[in-house]
Amino acid sequence: MITKNRISEKQYSVSDSLNHKTFDELRSLFIKHYKDSVFIKKLSNTYLTRAKRDKDSIEIANGYQIFFEMNINNPKAALAYTDSMIVVTKGVKDEFYPARGYLLRGYLLQKLERYNEALTSYLISKKHAEINDNIGHIIAITHNIAILKTILGKDGESLEIYKKNLDLLSTQDTIGKFRSHYIATLCKLSDSYNLFKKYDTAHFYLKKGITSTLSGDIPHFYSELLSSYGVNSYYRKEYNIAQDSLKKSLSLSKKTPYTNILITYLYLGKTLLELEQEEEAIGYFKKIDSAVHVSNYILETREAFTLLIDHYKRKNDKANQLRIMEKLIKLDSSFSVKYKKLHIDIEKKYDNVQLIKDKERLIDSIKNHSRTTINQLWVFGGLTIVLISLGYLYYYKKRKKSYEKVYQEKLLNAEHLNKKKTQKTKDIEIAPELRDDILKNLEEFEKNKTFLKNGLTLAIVAKKLKTNSTYLSRIINMDKQKNFANYINDLRIEYCIQQIKNNKKFRHYSITSMAKEVGFNNIQSFVKAFYKKNGCNPAEYIKEFVSE
C-alpha cells in the first residue's frame, strides 16, 4: 500500500510539473524523452488539453503532431492525427500550417504505398509552403517526390533533386533548424550514387551523414545510413564491413520503412554469398519471398527472386523453381499496371508545373509583338530551312565519297572532345575531401615505395588506396600531369637514379637485375623508360660513377 501511494504521488508530481511548462518547454521535453513512452503519453495529453483550453489552433495542431510522432510505426493510426491537423488549421495563414499536415499525411500515405494519394497531399502542401516561403517544407516535399520518382525508376531525376536540395541546405542552418532534412538528403544522395556505381562519391556522403547523425541528440536515419553503407561496402568488395553494417541496420530497423528492410535483406544475402555462406544467404532471400506480394513489390527486390531461381535450379528443386518463376512473372506483370497512374500523375501534376511556368513566361515575353511579325518570321525561317536542306542534299550526293572520309575523321575528333568534356564534368562531382584523401594515400604510396612492386596495374593500385580506377586515374592526370603508366615509370626511374648515385652495390647489378629491382617486367620497358626520363640508357648513365 505504501509503495502504491508513493507511485501515485510521483505520477501526480510529474503531471503537476508538466502543467507549469510552456509549449516550447513541452516540445523540448518530448524531443529529450521520446523513448520514455509513459512520460511522453502524459506530456502529449497535457499539451493537447491545454491547447484546446486556450483555443489555439496552431498549438492544437502541434499537439496532434506529437500524437502523430508517438504513432509513427502505426501509419493507419497516425493518419487520423494528420487529418486532425489539416482540419484544425483550415483557413489558417501560418508559416507551418496547413502545409505541415498535408506533408505528414503524404509521408504516411507513401509509407502505406498509396502513392497517388501521397503525391496529391505533397502537391497541396507544396502550394501552401511556397506561399509562406517555408524552405524546410519545400525541401521535404521535393525530397519525398524524388523517392516516388525512384520507385518509377527515374533515378537520374531523383539524383538531380537531391543535389539541388543539398545546395539549398548548404546555405541554411543545416545543423540546427534543418538537421533532419540535411541528413535525409545525404542518405538519399548516397543511395543515388550507389545506383550510378559512383561508389567513392557515395562513400563520401555516407561518412558525412553518419558523422552528422551521431553528433546530435536524435540519430536521424541512422538505420538507413547503415544499410546504405553496407550496400556501398558490398560494391567496394569490403564484405566483412558490409555484413556488419547491414546486420546492425536490421537491429535498429524499428522505425525504418519496410522497403529499406527488404533491400537490406537482399544485400546481406548477396554479401553472404561472397563470403561463401550460402545457406544463411538463401535464408534472407527466402525472407524477401515470404514478405513480398503484388501490393508491396518493388523492382529493387527482383534480384532476390532470380537468385532463388538459380539456387533451386542447382538443387534440382523443380517445384520451388517453378513456384518462384510463376510468382516473379505475376509480380512483374502487375508492376506496370500498379504504377501507371503514379507515372501519369507525376508527369502531369508535378513535372509539367515548371513547363507551364516557362510557357507563361514565354507568353509574357512575346505578348507585345504582333502576330503578323511572328508569322512572317516563321515563314521566312521555314523557307530558309527548306533551301538549306535542299542545298545540303545536293552537296551530299555530289561529294558523298569524300564526305564519308571527312565524317569519320570528325567523328573520331568529336568522340575525343566528348570524352574530355565528360571527364571535366565528372571532375566537378569529386568531393574535395575525397580528392584530398586520394592524394594523401598517394603520398603514402610514394613514401612506402610501393611502386617498386612488380605487376602493378591501375586497378591494383586503386584497390590498395581504397578508391576506384576512374577516380585514381583522373586525379593522377590532374595533379601529377601524367597518365598512370608514366607516373609509375617515373617514380621507378627516379628511385633507380638515386640508387645508382648513392648505392655502390646497386651500380654493379646487371641491367636485367636492376630492372626487376625497381619493378619492371622486362629489360626493354626499363631501358625505354630510363631513356625517356634521362636521355640516355642505364649503362651510359652508370659509366659516370664506375670510378667511385
Protein backbone atom coordinates (compact mmCIF):
# COMPACT_ATOMS: atom_id res chain seq x y z
CA MET A 1 0.00 0.00 0.00
CA ILE A 2 2.79 2.39 0.90
CA THR A 3 4.56 1.64 -2.38
CA LYS A 4 1.39 2.19 -4.38
CA ASN A 5 0.77 5.55 -2.70
CA ARG A 6 4.33 6.63 -3.43
CA ILE A 7 3.89 5.75 -7.11
CA SER A 8 0.64 7.73 -7.25
CA GLU A 9 2.33 10.71 -5.62
CA LYS A 10 5.18 10.51 -8.12
CA GLN A 11 2.77 10.36 -11.07
CA TYR A 12 0.83 13.32 -9.69
CA SER A 13 4.12 15.21 -9.25
CA VAL A 14 5.09 14.60 -12.90
CA SER A 15 1.69 15.71 -14.20
CA ASP A 16 1.71 18.77 -11.95
CA SER A 17 5.19 19.80 -13.13
CA LEU A 18 4.15 19.46 -16.79
CA ASN A 19 1.20 21.79 -16.21
CA HIS A 20 3.62 24.59 -15.41
CA LYS A 21 5.71 24.17 -18.57
CA THR A 22 5.33 26.35 -21.65
CA PHE A 23 4.52 24.81 -25.02
CA ASP A 24 8.14 25.31 -26.10
CA GLU A 25 9.39 23.57 -22.97
CA LEU A 26 6.98 20.67 -23.51
CA ARG A 27 8.22 20.23 -27.09
CA SER A 28 11.83 20.22 -25.85
CA LEU A 29 10.94 17.58 -23.24
CA PHE A 30 9.29 15.48 -25.94
CA ILE A 31 12.49 15.52 -28.02
CA LYS A 32 14.63 14.74 -24.98
CA HIS A 33 12.50 11.89 -23.60
CA TYR A 34 10.90 10.49 -26.78
CA LYS A 35 11.90 6.93 -25.78
CA ASP A 36 10.03 7.10 -22.47
CA SER A 37 6.54 6.08 -23.64
CA VAL A 38 4.87 6.56 -20.23
CA PHE A 39 6.23 10.06 -19.79
CA ILE A 40 5.51 11.05 -23.40
CA LYS A 41 1.89 9.92 -23.08
CA LYS A 42 1.39 12.24 -20.09
CA LEU A 43 3.17 15.07 -21.89
CA SER A 44 1.09 14.72 -25.07
CA ASN A 45 -2.19 14.70 -23.14
CA THR A 46 -1.09 17.77 -21.16
CA TYR A 47 -0.08 19.59 -24.35
CA LEU A 48 -3.29 18.91 -26.29
CA THR A 49 -5.61 19.55 -23.33
CA ARG A 50 -4.05 22.95 -22.66
CA ALA A 51 -4.04 23.90 -26.37
CA LYS A 52 -7.76 23.08 -26.67
CA ARG A 53 -8.48 25.01 -23.47
CA ASP A 54 -6.68 28.05 -24.93
CA LYS A 55 -8.47 27.54 -28.29
CA ASP A 56 -5.09 27.95 -30.01
CA SER A 57 -5.46 26.20 -33.38
CA ILE A 58 -1.70 26.21 -34.09
CA GLU A 59 -0.82 24.63 -30.73
CA ILE A 60 -3.69 22.15 -31.11
CA ALA A 61 -2.14 21.11 -34.45
CA ASN A 62 1.28 20.86 -32.74
CA GLY A 63 -0.35 18.64 -30.11
CA TYR A 64 -1.73 16.36 -32.82
CA GLN A 65 1.75 16.24 -34.33
CA ILE A 66 3.11 14.87 -31.05
CA PHE A 67 0.47 12.11 -31.21
CA PHE A 68 1.49 11.56 -34.84
CA GLU A 69 5.13 11.08 -33.73
CA MET A 70 4.04 8.65 -30.99
CA ASN A 71 2.17 6.52 -33.55
CA ILE A 72 4.66 6.78 -36.41
CA ASN A 73 5.08 2.97 -36.51
CA ASN A 74 1.31 2.56 -36.87
CA PRO A 75 0.62 4.59 -40.04
CA LYS A 76 -3.13 3.99 -40.08
CA ALA A 77 -3.50 5.37 -36.55
CA ALA A 78 -1.07 8.23 -37.21
CA LEU A 79 -3.03 9.19 -40.34
CA ALA A 80 -6.02 10.24 -38.21
CA TYR A 81 -3.83 12.80 -36.40
CA THR A 82 -2.60 14.35 -39.67
CA ASP A 83 -6.25 14.67 -40.77
CA SER A 84 -6.96 16.44 -37.46
CA MET A 85 -4.02 18.79 -38.09
CA ILE A 86 -5.44 19.68 -41.51
CA VAL A 87 -8.99 20.24 -40.20
CA VAL A 88 -7.98 22.40 -37.22
CA THR A 89 -5.75 24.66 -39.38
CA LYS A 90 -8.13 25.00 -42.31
CA GLY A 91 -8.12 28.64 -43.45
CA VAL A 92 -5.19 29.50 -41.14
CA LYS A 93 -2.31 31.52 -42.60
CA ASP A 94 0.81 30.33 -40.81
CA GLU A 95 4.42 29.57 -41.69
CA PHE A 96 3.89 25.87 -40.95
CA TYR A 97 0.17 25.22 -41.35
CA PRO A 98 -1.74 23.77 -43.05
CA ALA A 99 1.32 22.70 -45.14
CA ARG A 100 2.73 20.50 -42.36
CA GLY A 101 -0.48 18.47 -42.01
CA TYR A 102 -0.54 17.67 -45.74
CA LEU A 103 3.20 16.92 -45.75
CA LEU A 104 2.95 14.41 -42.89
CA ARG A 105 -0.19 12.92 -44.40
CA GLY A 106 1.67 12.41 -47.69
CA TYR A 107 4.55 10.76 -45.82
CA LEU A 108 2.19 8.25 -44.18
CA LEU A 109 0.34 7.53 -47.43
CA GLN A 110 3.69 6.90 -49.11
CA LYS A 111 4.62 4.55 -46.27
CA LEU A 112 1.31 2.74 -46.84
CA GLU A 113 2.20 2.57 -50.57
CA ARG A 114 -0.82 4.70 -51.51
CA TYR A 115 1.48 6.62 -53.82
CA ASN A 116 -1.01 8.61 -55.89
CA GLU A 117 -2.77 9.90 -52.77
CA ALA A 118 0.65 10.73 -51.31
CA LEU A 119 1.54 12.78 -54.41
CA THR A 120 -1.72 14.73 -54.13
CA SER A 121 -1.01 15.57 -50.47
CA TYR A 122 2.55 16.65 -51.31
CA LEU A 123 1.38 18.97 -54.05
CA ILE A 124 -1.20 20.64 -51.77
CA SER A 125 1.47 21.01 -49.08
CA LYS A 126 3.94 22.44 -51.62
CA LYS A 127 1.41 25.06 -52.68
CA HIS A 128 0.98 26.29 -49.08
CA ALA A 129 4.73 26.06 -48.36
CA GLU A 130 5.60 28.19 -51.38
CA ILE A 131 3.04 30.83 -50.37
CA ASN A 132 4.66 31.06 -46.92
CA ASP A 133 8.24 30.59 -48.24
CA ASN A 134 8.83 27.65 -45.89
CA ILE A 135 12.18 26.27 -47.11
CA GLY A 136 12.08 23.25 -44.80
CA HIS A 137 8.74 22.05 -46.09
CA ILE A 138 9.66 22.67 -49.72
CA ILE A 139 12.85 20.59 -49.31
CA ALA A 140 10.97 17.79 -47.55
CA ILE A 141 8.23 17.69 -50.20
CA THR A 142 10.61 17.64 -53.19
CA HIS A 143 12.71 15.02 -51.34
CA ASN A 144 9.70 12.73 -50.98
CA ILE A 145 8.61 13.29 -54.58
CA ALA A 146 12.13 12.27 -55.60
CA ILE A 147 11.55 9.00 -53.72
CA LEU A 148 8.37 8.47 -55.77
CA LYS A 149 10.45 9.04 -58.92
CA THR A 150 12.92 6.39 -57.73
CA ILE A 151 10.02 3.94 -57.39
CA LEU A 152 9.29 4.56 -61.09
CA GLY A 153 12.95 4.01 -61.99
CA LYS A 154 13.66 7.71 -62.66
CA ASP A 155 16.95 7.55 -60.74
CA GLY A 156 18.63 10.34 -62.71
CA GLU A 157 15.82 12.79 -61.98
CA SER A 158 15.85 11.81 -58.30
CA LEU A 159 19.60 12.42 -58.08
CA GLU A 160 19.22 15.93 -59.51
CA ILE A 161 16.53 16.75 -56.91
CA TYR A 162 18.73 15.54 -54.04
CA LYS A 163 21.68 17.57 -55.35
CA LYS A 164 19.55 20.73 -55.60
CA ASN A 165 18.21 20.16 -52.09
CA LEU A 166 21.76 19.77 -50.74
CA ASP A 167 22.82 23.01 -52.45
CA LEU A 168 19.82 24.77 -50.90
CA LEU A 169 20.51 23.28 -47.46
CA SER A 170 24.16 24.35 -47.60
CA THR A 171 23.00 27.98 -47.45
CA GLN A 172 20.75 27.32 -44.44
CA ASP A 173 21.28 26.39 -40.77
CA THR A 174 21.54 22.69 -41.56
CA ILE A 175 22.92 21.61 -38.17
CA GLY A 176 20.10 23.28 -36.30
CA LYS A 177 16.86 24.13 -38.00
CA PHE A 178 17.09 21.71 -40.95
CA ARG A 179 19.28 18.96 -39.48
CA SER A 180 16.95 16.05 -40.24
CA HIS A 181 16.42 17.32 -43.83
CA TYR A 182 20.20 17.58 -44.26
CA ILE A 183 20.84 14.02 -43.04
CA ALA A 184 17.95 12.62 -45.12
CA THR A 185 19.38 14.31 -48.22
CA LEU A 186 22.87 12.90 -47.59
CA CYS A 187 21.33 9.45 -47.13
CA LYS A 188 19.36 9.53 -50.39
CA LEU A 189 22.19 11.20 -52.29
CA SER A 190 24.50 8.34 -51.32
CA ASP A 191 21.82 5.82 -52.41
CA SER A 192 21.64 7.52 -55.81
CA TYR A 193 25.41 7.48 -56.29
CA ASN A 194 25.43 3.78 -55.35
CA LEU A 195 22.86 3.17 -58.10
CA PHE A 196 25.06 5.00 -60.62
CA LYS A 197 28.14 2.99 -59.49
CA LYS A 198 29.91 6.09 -58.16
CA TYR A 199 30.87 4.27 -55.01
CA ASP A 200 33.61 6.63 -53.79
CA THR A 201 31.30 9.64 -54.02
CA ALA A 202 28.55 7.66 -52.26
CA HIS A 203 31.06 6.69 -49.56
CA PHE A 204 31.96 10.35 -49.06
CA TYR A 205 28.35 11.41 -48.46
CA LEU A 206 27.66 8.36 -46.27
CA LYS A 207 30.51 9.27 -43.92
CA LYS A 208 29.21 12.84 -43.70
CA GLY A 209 25.71 11.57 -42.98
CA ILE A 210 26.76 9.11 -40.27
CA THR A 211 29.01 11.68 -38.59
CA SER A 212 26.21 14.24 -38.66
CA THR A 213 23.50 11.93 -37.29
CA LEU A 214 25.69 10.68 -34.43
CA SER A 215 26.60 14.23 -33.40
CA GLY A 216 23.02 15.17 -32.48
CA ASP A 217 20.51 14.25 -29.79
CA ILE A 218 18.40 12.18 -32.20
CA PRO A 219 20.16 9.79 -34.64
CA HIS A 220 18.07 10.69 -37.68
CA PHE A 221 18.03 8.00 -40.40
CA TYR A 222 20.87 6.09 -38.72
CA SER A 223 19.48 2.67 -39.69
CA GLU A 224 19.02 3.75 -43.33
CA LEU A 225 22.55 5.21 -43.44
CA LEU A 226 24.00 1.97 -42.07
CA SER A 227 22.08 -0.01 -44.69
CA SER A 228 23.39 2.24 -47.47
CA TYR A 229 26.90 1.97 -46.01
CA GLY A 230 26.55 -1.81 -46.16
CA VAL A 231 25.42 -1.68 -49.80
CA ASN A 232 28.32 0.65 -50.61
CA SER A 233 30.79 -1.66 -48.83
CA TYR A 234 29.40 -4.63 -50.79
CA TYR A 235 30.15 -2.86 -54.07
CA ARG A 236 33.58 -1.82 -52.77
CA LYS A 237 34.18 -5.54 -52.07
CA GLU A 238 34.60 -4.90 -48.35
CA TYR A 239 32.33 -7.81 -47.48
CA ASN A 240 33.01 -8.13 -43.75
CA ILE A 241 32.28 -4.42 -43.25
CA ALA A 242 29.17 -4.78 -45.41
CA GLN A 243 27.92 -7.69 -43.31
CA ASP A 244 28.45 -5.81 -40.02
CA SER A 245 26.73 -2.63 -41.28
CA LEU A 246 23.74 -4.45 -42.76
CA LYS A 247 23.14 -6.58 -39.67
CA LYS A 248 23.45 -3.56 -37.40
CA SER A 249 20.97 -1.71 -39.61
CA LEU A 250 18.45 -4.55 -39.17
CA SER A 251 18.90 -4.47 -35.40
CA LEU A 252 17.96 -0.75 -35.42
CA SER A 253 15.21 -1.00 -38.04
CA LYS A 254 12.11 -0.43 -35.87
CA LYS A 255 11.46 2.95 -37.49
CA THR A 256 12.86 2.04 -40.89
CA PRO A 257 10.47 1.85 -43.89
CA TYR A 258 9.83 -1.80 -44.70
CA THR A 259 11.13 -1.43 -48.26
CA ASN A 260 14.52 -0.48 -46.79
CA ILE A 261 14.49 -3.66 -44.71
CA LEU A 262 13.82 -5.77 -47.81
CA ILE A 263 16.72 -4.12 -49.65
CA THR A 264 18.92 -4.72 -46.60
CA TYR A 265 17.92 -8.42 -46.70
CA LEU A 266 18.87 -8.56 -50.39
CA TYR A 267 22.35 -7.09 -49.97
CA LEU A 268 23.03 -9.04 -46.80
CA GLY A 269 22.22 -12.20 -48.74
CA LYS A 270 24.46 -11.15 -51.63
CA THR A 271 27.26 -10.30 -49.19
CA LEU A 272 26.98 -13.71 -47.51
CA LEU A 273 27.21 -15.37 -50.93
CA GLU A 274 30.52 -13.58 -51.48
CA LEU A 275 31.65 -14.80 -48.05
CA GLU A 276 30.67 -18.36 -49.12
CA GLN A 277 27.90 -18.62 -46.54
CA GLU A 278 25.26 -19.75 -48.99
CA GLU A 279 22.81 -21.35 -46.55
CA GLU A 280 22.47 -18.17 -44.47
CA ALA A 281 22.31 -16.06 -47.64
CA ILE A 282 19.41 -18.08 -49.06
CA GLY A 283 17.61 -17.58 -45.73
CA TYR A 284 17.50 -13.82 -46.35
CA PHE A 285 16.26 -14.29 -49.92
CA LYS A 286 13.50 -16.53 -48.56
CA LYS A 287 12.51 -13.76 -46.14
CA ILE A 288 12.00 -11.48 -49.13
CA ASP A 289 10.00 -14.20 -50.90
CA SER A 290 7.76 -14.56 -47.83
CA ALA A 291 7.27 -10.82 -47.36
CA VAL A 292 6.80 -9.61 -50.94
CA HIS A 293 3.46 -9.76 -52.73
CA VAL A 294 1.76 -7.82 -55.52
CA SER A 295 0.87 -4.80 -53.36
CA ASN A 296 4.39 -4.16 -51.96
CA TYR A 297 6.66 -5.38 -54.79
CA ILE A 298 9.44 -3.01 -55.85
CA LEU A 299 11.97 -3.54 -58.62
CA GLU A 300 14.94 -3.29 -56.22
CA THR A 301 13.99 -6.66 -54.69
CA ARG A 302 13.64 -8.50 -58.01
CA GLU A 303 17.18 -9.91 -57.87
CA ALA A 304 16.31 -11.93 -54.74
CA PHE A 305 13.85 -13.97 -56.82
CA THR A 306 16.29 -14.58 -59.68
CA LEU A 307 18.92 -15.72 -57.15
CA LEU A 308 16.38 -18.08 -55.58
CA ILE A 309 15.52 -19.48 -59.02
CA ASP A 310 19.24 -20.17 -59.63
CA HIS A 311 19.53 -21.76 -56.17
CA TYR A 312 16.60 -24.11 -56.71
CA LYS A 313 17.89 -24.95 -60.18
CA ARG A 314 21.24 -26.03 -58.73
CA LYS A 315 19.38 -28.11 -56.12
CA ASN A 316 17.19 -29.62 -58.85
CA ASP A 317 14.17 -28.46 -56.83
CA LYS A 318 11.83 -28.04 -59.78
CA ALA A 319 8.72 -27.42 -57.70
CA ASN A 320 10.17 -24.37 -55.91
CA GLN A 321 11.90 -23.22 -59.07
CA LEU A 322 8.57 -23.19 -60.89
CA ARG A 323 6.80 -21.52 -57.95
CA ILE A 324 9.30 -18.63 -57.82
CA MET A 325 9.23 -18.21 -61.60
CA GLU A 326 5.43 -18.01 -61.65
CA LYS A 327 5.45 -15.55 -58.74
CA LEU A 328 8.04 -13.32 -60.41
CA ILE A 329 6.06 -13.27 -63.66
CA LYS A 330 2.97 -12.23 -61.70
CA LEU A 331 4.88 -9.51 -59.80
CA ASP A 332 6.46 -8.09 -62.96
CA SER A 333 3.19 -8.06 -64.90
CA SER A 334 1.35 -6.26 -62.09
CA PHE A 335 4.09 -3.69 -61.56
CA SER A 336 3.49 -1.65 -64.69
CA VAL A 337 -0.26 -1.60 -64.04
CA LYS A 338 0.21 -0.59 -60.40
CA TYR A 339 2.48 2.36 -61.16
CA LYS A 340 0.94 3.50 -64.43
CA LYS A 341 -1.29 6.10 -62.72
CA LEU A 342 1.56 7.30 -60.49
CA HIS A 343 3.72 7.78 -63.59
CA ILE A 344 0.98 9.78 -65.31
CA ASP A 345 0.28 11.88 -62.20
CA ILE A 346 3.94 12.78 -61.65
CA GLU A 347 4.26 13.75 -65.30
CA LYS A 348 1.07 15.81 -65.37
CA LYS A 349 0.83 17.19 -61.83
CA TYR A 350 4.49 17.69 -60.90
CA ASP A 351 6.89 17.66 -63.85
CA ASN A 352 4.63 19.81 -66.03
CA VAL A 353 4.33 22.55 -63.39
CA GLN A 354 7.69 24.03 -64.37
CA LEU A 355 6.85 23.63 -68.05
CA ILE A 356 3.65 25.62 -67.54
CA LYS A 357 5.55 28.36 -65.70
CA ASP A 358 8.10 28.54 -68.54
CA LYS A 359 5.25 28.72 -71.03
CA GLU A 360 3.63 31.59 -69.13
CA ARG A 361 6.93 33.49 -69.05
CA LEU A 362 7.34 32.95 -72.77
CA ILE A 363 3.83 34.27 -73.42
CA ASP A 364 4.59 37.35 -71.30
CA SER A 365 7.81 37.98 -73.21
CA ILE A 366 6.17 37.91 -76.65
CA LYS A 367 2.74 39.39 -75.93
CA ASN A 368 3.81 42.87 -77.19
CA HIS A 369 4.90 41.51 -80.57
CA SER A 370 2.45 41.50 -83.40
CA ARG A 371 1.11 38.17 -84.67
CA THR A 372 1.95 39.21 -88.26
CA THR A 373 5.63 39.67 -87.49
CA ILE A 374 5.79 36.31 -85.78
CA ASN A 375 4.09 34.58 -88.72
CA GLN A 376 6.50 36.26 -91.13
CA LEU A 377 9.43 35.04 -89.09
CA TRP A 378 8.06 31.51 -89.10
CA VAL A 379 7.52 31.57 -92.89
CA PHE A 380 10.96 33.03 -93.52
CA GLY A 381 12.55 30.57 -91.15
CA GLY A 382 10.71 27.66 -92.75
CA LEU A 383 11.76 28.66 -96.28
CA THR A 384 15.35 29.12 -95.14
CA ILE A 385 15.39 25.63 -93.60
CA VAL A 386 13.93 24.10 -96.77
CA LEU A 387 16.51 25.82 -99.00
CA ILE A 388 19.40 24.85 -96.76
CA SER A 389 18.14 21.26 -96.66
CA LEU A 390 17.90 21.07 -100.48
CA GLY A 391 21.36 22.57 -100.85
CA TYR A 392 22.79 20.18 -98.30
CA LEU A 393 21.16 17.19 -100.04
CA TYR A 394 22.63 18.22 -103.40
CA TYR A 395 26.07 18.74 -101.86
CA TYR A 396 25.86 15.42 -100.01
CA LYS A 397 25.09 13.45 -103.17
CA LYS A 398 27.87 15.16 -105.13
CA ARG A 399 30.55 14.73 -102.51
CA LYS A 400 29.36 11.55 -100.81
CA LYS A 401 32.58 9.60 -101.11
CA SER A 402 34.92 12.28 -99.83
CA TYR A 403 32.38 13.37 -97.21
CA GLU A 404 32.31 9.91 -95.60
CA LYS A 405 36.05 10.03 -95.06
CA VAL A 406 35.91 13.53 -93.53
CA TYR A 407 32.90 12.49 -91.48
CA GLN A 408 34.78 9.58 -89.93
CA GLU A 409 37.68 11.87 -89.02
CA LYS A 410 35.32 14.41 -87.48
CA LEU A 411 33.50 11.67 -85.62
CA LEU A 412 36.73 10.47 -84.06
CA ASN A 413 37.63 14.04 -83.09
CA ALA A 414 34.15 14.60 -81.69
CA GLU A 415 34.38 11.45 -79.60
CA HIS A 416 37.76 12.57 -78.30
CA LEU A 417 36.38 16.01 -77.39
CA ASN A 418 33.31 14.43 -75.85
CA LYS A 419 35.49 12.22 -73.66
CA LYS A 420 37.38 15.30 -72.49
CA LYS A 421 34.14 17.13 -71.80
CA THR A 422 32.73 14.15 -69.90
CA GLN A 423 35.96 13.94 -67.92
CA LYS A 424 35.68 17.61 -66.91
CA THR A 425 32.06 17.15 -65.93
CA LYS A 426 32.95 14.19 -63.75
CA ASP A 427 35.78 16.15 -62.15
CA ILE A 428 33.24 18.57 -60.70
CA GLU A 429 31.48 15.66 -58.98
CA ILE A 430 34.54 14.65 -56.94
CA ALA A 431 34.11 15.87 -53.39
CA PRO A 432 37.10 17.94 -52.22
CA GLU A 433 37.54 15.70 -49.19
CA LEU A 434 37.65 12.61 -51.42
CA ARG A 435 40.30 14.19 -53.66
CA ASP A 436 42.39 15.11 -50.60
CA ASP A 437 42.09 11.54 -49.26
CA ILE A 438 43.32 10.04 -52.52
CA LEU A 439 46.25 12.49 -52.74
CA LYS A 440 47.17 11.72 -49.14
CA ASN A 441 47.11 7.99 -49.92
CA LEU A 442 49.28 8.60 -53.00
CA GLU A 443 51.85 10.34 -50.77
CA GLU A 444 51.93 7.25 -48.55
CA PHE A 445 52.17 5.07 -51.66
CA GLU A 446 55.28 7.02 -52.77
CA LYS A 447 56.76 7.27 -49.27
CA ASN A 448 56.49 3.48 -48.73
CA LYS A 449 57.93 2.86 -52.22
CA THR A 450 55.03 0.57 -53.08
CA PHE A 451 55.60 1.49 -56.72
CA LEU A 452 58.59 -0.90 -56.74
CA LYS A 453 56.30 -3.94 -56.62
CA ASN A 454 56.20 -5.87 -59.87
CA GLY A 455 52.99 -6.15 -61.91
CA LEU A 456 51.23 -3.03 -60.69
CA THR A 457 48.14 -2.00 -62.63
CA LEU A 458 45.75 0.89 -62.22
CA ALA A 459 43.13 -1.46 -60.73
CA ILE A 460 45.61 -2.97 -58.23
CA VAL A 461 46.83 0.42 -57.04
CA ALA A 462 43.26 1.77 -56.81
CA LYS A 463 42.32 -1.18 -54.58
CA LYS A 464 45.37 -0.58 -52.36
CA LEU A 465 44.36 3.07 -51.98
CA LYS A 466 40.70 2.10 -51.33
CA THR A 467 39.32 4.00 -54.31
CA ASN A 468 38.35 3.07 -57.87
CA SER A 469 40.34 3.17 -61.11
CA THR A 470 38.37 6.06 -62.62
CA TYR A 471 38.99 8.50 -59.76
CA LEU A 472 42.63 7.47 -59.29
CA SER A 473 43.40 7.86 -62.99
CA ARG A 474 41.66 11.25 -63.10
CA ILE A 475 43.47 12.63 -60.05
CA ILE A 476 46.87 11.45 -61.33
CA ASN A 477 46.12 13.15 -64.65
CA MET A 478 45.04 16.38 -62.92
CA ASP A 479 47.57 16.64 -60.09
CA LYS A 480 50.59 14.77 -61.48
CA GLN A 481 50.06 15.97 -65.07
CA LYS A 482 50.74 12.49 -66.48
CA ASN A 483 48.95 9.21 -67.07
CA PHE A 484 49.16 6.27 -64.67
CA ALA A 485 51.83 4.33 -66.61
CA ASN A 486 54.16 7.34 -66.88
CA TYR A 487 53.55 8.17 -63.22
CA ILE A 488 54.66 4.69 -62.06
CA ASN A 489 57.57 4.54 -64.50
CA ASP A 490 58.86 7.98 -63.47
CA LEU A 491 58.76 7.03 -59.78
CA ARG A 492 60.70 3.84 -60.52
CA ILE A 493 63.30 5.58 -62.67
CA GLU A 494 63.79 8.36 -60.09
CA TYR A 495 64.34 5.70 -57.43
CA CYS A 496 66.74 3.86 -59.76
CA ILE A 497 68.77 7.05 -60.34
CA GLN A 498 69.05 7.66 -56.59
CA GLN A 499 70.28 4.10 -56.08
CA ILE A 500 72.85 4.45 -58.86
CA LYS A 501 74.13 7.67 -57.28
CA ASN A 502 74.18 6.52 -53.67
CA ASN A 503 74.41 2.72 -53.65
CA LYS A 504 77.70 1.28 -54.92
CA LYS A 505 76.39 -2.28 -54.72
CA PHE A 506 73.37 -1.35 -56.88
CA ARG A 507 75.66 0.05 -59.60
CA HIS A 508 77.18 -3.42 -60.06
CA TYR A 509 73.83 -5.06 -60.79
CA SER A 510 73.18 -6.30 -64.31
CA ILE A 511 70.70 -4.21 -66.27
CA THR A 512 68.20 -7.10 -66.05
CA SER A 513 68.53 -7.33 -62.25
CA MET A 514 68.30 -3.57 -61.95
CA ALA A 515 65.05 -3.56 -63.95
CA LYS A 516 63.49 -6.25 -61.75
CA GLU A 517 64.69 -4.49 -58.59
CA VAL A 518 62.75 -1.34 -59.44
CA GLY A 519 59.58 -3.15 -60.59
CA PHE A 520 59.84 -3.52 -64.37
CA ASN A 521 58.68 -6.74 -66.02
CA ASN A 522 61.34 -6.73 -68.72
CA ILE A 523 64.58 -5.01 -69.67
CA GLN A 524 63.12 -3.39 -72.79
CA SER A 525 60.47 -1.37 -70.97
CA PHE A 526 63.04 -0.42 -68.31
CA VAL A 527 65.56 0.91 -70.84
CA LYS A 528 62.83 2.74 -72.76
CA ALA A 529 61.52 4.45 -69.61
CA PHE A 530 65.06 5.29 -68.45
CA TYR A 531 65.94 6.86 -71.81
CA LYS A 532 62.69 8.85 -71.84
CA LYS A 533 63.48 10.27 -68.40
CA ASN A 534 67.25 10.90 -68.77
CA GLY A 535 68.06 10.98 -72.48
CA CYS A 536 70.46 8.04 -72.23
CA ASN A 537 70.33 4.34 -71.43
CA PRO A 538 71.18 2.91 -67.95
CA ALA A 539 74.62 1.59 -68.97
CA GLU A 540 75.70 5.03 -70.24
CA TYR A 541 74.44 6.69 -67.05
CA ILE A 542 76.26 4.19 -64.78
CA LYS A 543 79.60 4.88 -66.53
CA GLU A 544 79.69 8.29 -64.84
CA PHE A 545 80.01 6.55 -61.45
CA VAL A 546 82.17 3.45 -62.15
CA SER A 547 85.34 5.08 -60.90
CA GLU A 548 83.85 5.58 -57.43
